[in-house]
Protein backbone atom coordinates (compact mmCIF):
# COMPACT_ATOMS: atom_id res chain seq x y z
CA UNK A 1 -17.16 -6.12 -1.60
CA UNK A 2 -15.86 -6.56 1.94
CA UNK A 3 -13.54 -9.41 0.94
CA UNK A 4 -10.07 -8.06 1.82
CA UNK A 5 -8.41 -11.49 1.82
CA UNK A 6 -9.64 -12.20 -1.70
CA UNK A 7 -8.69 -8.69 -2.84
CA UNK A 8 -5.22 -9.19 -1.36
CA UNK A 9 -4.68 -12.34 -3.43
CA UNK A 10 -5.77 -10.52 -6.59
CA UNK A 11 -3.60 -7.47 -5.92
CA UNK A 12 -0.59 -9.68 -5.21
CA UNK A 13 -1.09 -11.24 -8.64
CA UNK A 14 -1.57 -7.80 -10.19
CA UNK A 15 1.70 -6.71 -8.57
CA UNK A 16 3.58 -9.57 -10.23
CA UNK A 17 2.05 -8.76 -13.62
CA UNK A 18 2.76 -5.02 -13.36
CA UNK A 19 6.32 -5.52 -12.12
CA UNK A 20 7.05 -7.94 -14.97
CA UNK A 21 5.49 -5.79 -17.69
CA UNK A 22 5.98 -2.19 -16.51
CA UNK A 23 8.67 -2.39 -13.86
CA UNK A 24 8.60 -1.68 -10.16
CA UNK A 25 8.97 2.09 -10.27
CA UNK A 26 5.96 3.25 -12.27
CA UNK A 27 2.82 5.08 -11.18
CA UNK A 28 0.65 2.10 -12.13
CA UNK A 29 2.72 -0.28 -10.04
CA UNK A 30 2.70 2.21 -7.15
CA UNK A 31 -1.10 2.21 -7.32
CA UNK A 32 -1.08 -1.55 -6.81
CA UNK A 33 1.31 -1.13 -3.86
CA UNK A 34 -1.08 1.38 -2.30
CA UNK A 35 -4.02 -0.99 -2.81
CA UNK A 36 -2.01 -3.82 -1.25
CA UNK A 37 -1.41 -1.59 1.76
CA UNK A 38 -5.15 -0.98 2.07
CA UNK A 39 -5.86 -4.72 1.98
CA UNK A 40 -3.17 -5.35 4.59
CA UNK A 41 -4.69 -2.74 6.89
CA UNK A 42 -8.14 -4.27 6.50
CA UNK A 43 -6.63 -7.60 7.56
CA UNK A 44 -4.84 -5.89 10.50
CA UNK A 45 -1.43 -6.60 9.00
CA UNK A 46 -0.37 -3.03 9.71
CA UNK A 47 3.41 -3.37 9.42
CA UNK A 48 3.13 -4.88 5.96
CA UNK A 49 0.57 -2.27 4.99
CA UNK A 50 2.88 0.51 6.13
CA UNK A 51 5.72 -0.90 4.03
CA UNK A 52 3.53 -0.93 0.90
CA UNK A 53 2.25 2.59 1.61
CA UNK A 54 5.79 3.92 2.03
CA UNK A 55 6.94 2.24 -1.18
CA UNK A 56 3.97 3.63 -3.09
CA UNK A 57 4.52 7.09 -1.64
CA UNK A 58 8.22 7.14 -2.57
CA UNK A 59 7.46 6.20 -6.18
CA UNK A 60 4.55 8.62 -6.48
CA UNK A 61 6.55 11.52 -5.02
CA UNK A 62 9.35 10.84 -7.47
CA UNK A 63 7.12 10.40 -10.51
CA UNK A 64 4.24 12.82 -9.83
CA UNK A 65 5.55 15.23 -7.23
CA UNK A 66 4.64 15.81 -3.58
CA UNK A 67 1.45 17.81 -4.27
CA UNK A 68 -0.22 15.39 -6.68
CA UNK A 69 -3.54 13.90 -5.55
CA UNK A 70 -2.28 10.31 -5.62
CA UNK A 71 0.82 11.22 -3.64
CA UNK A 72 -1.27 12.99 -1.03
CA UNK A 73 -3.56 9.96 -0.78
CA UNK A 74 -0.62 7.65 -0.14
CA UNK A 75 0.70 10.09 2.48
CA UNK A 76 -2.70 10.08 4.23
CA UNK A 77 -2.61 6.28 4.25
CA UNK A 78 0.80 6.35 5.93
CA UNK A 79 -0.59 8.71 8.57
CA UNK A 80 -3.55 6.37 9.16
CA UNK A 81 -1.37 3.31 9.62
CA UNK A 82 0.96 5.25 11.94
CA UNK A 83 -2.02 5.88 14.22
CA UNK A 84 -2.73 2.14 14.43
CA UNK A 85 -0.97 -0.06 16.91
CA UNK A 86 1.96 -1.53 15.00
CA UNK A 87 3.35 -3.77 17.69
CA UNK A 88 1.87 -6.97 18.96
CA UNK A 89 0.66 -6.66 22.53
CA UNK A 90 0.37 -9.92 24.46
CA UNK A 91 -2.92 -10.63 26.15
CA UNK A 92 -2.87 -11.76 29.76
């Protein structure tokens, strides 16, 4: 609904719930990590988004394999964030 800041708050809460109930290394928790990365990218917080995408990808590769659709999606997200400017460039 074009509200990435609100979505970020909700996904952060979902992360806490999933980590407490399912653990941090499950496919469902990795899905939340991927969604957090998407929210971070929408808010131009690319370094944080990249960290969540890499975490999600590592879990999904381990649990589902490198050719699974969800794993490939997380890999595409990593490639997208790598194309963005990750450093802060001062304006003069």
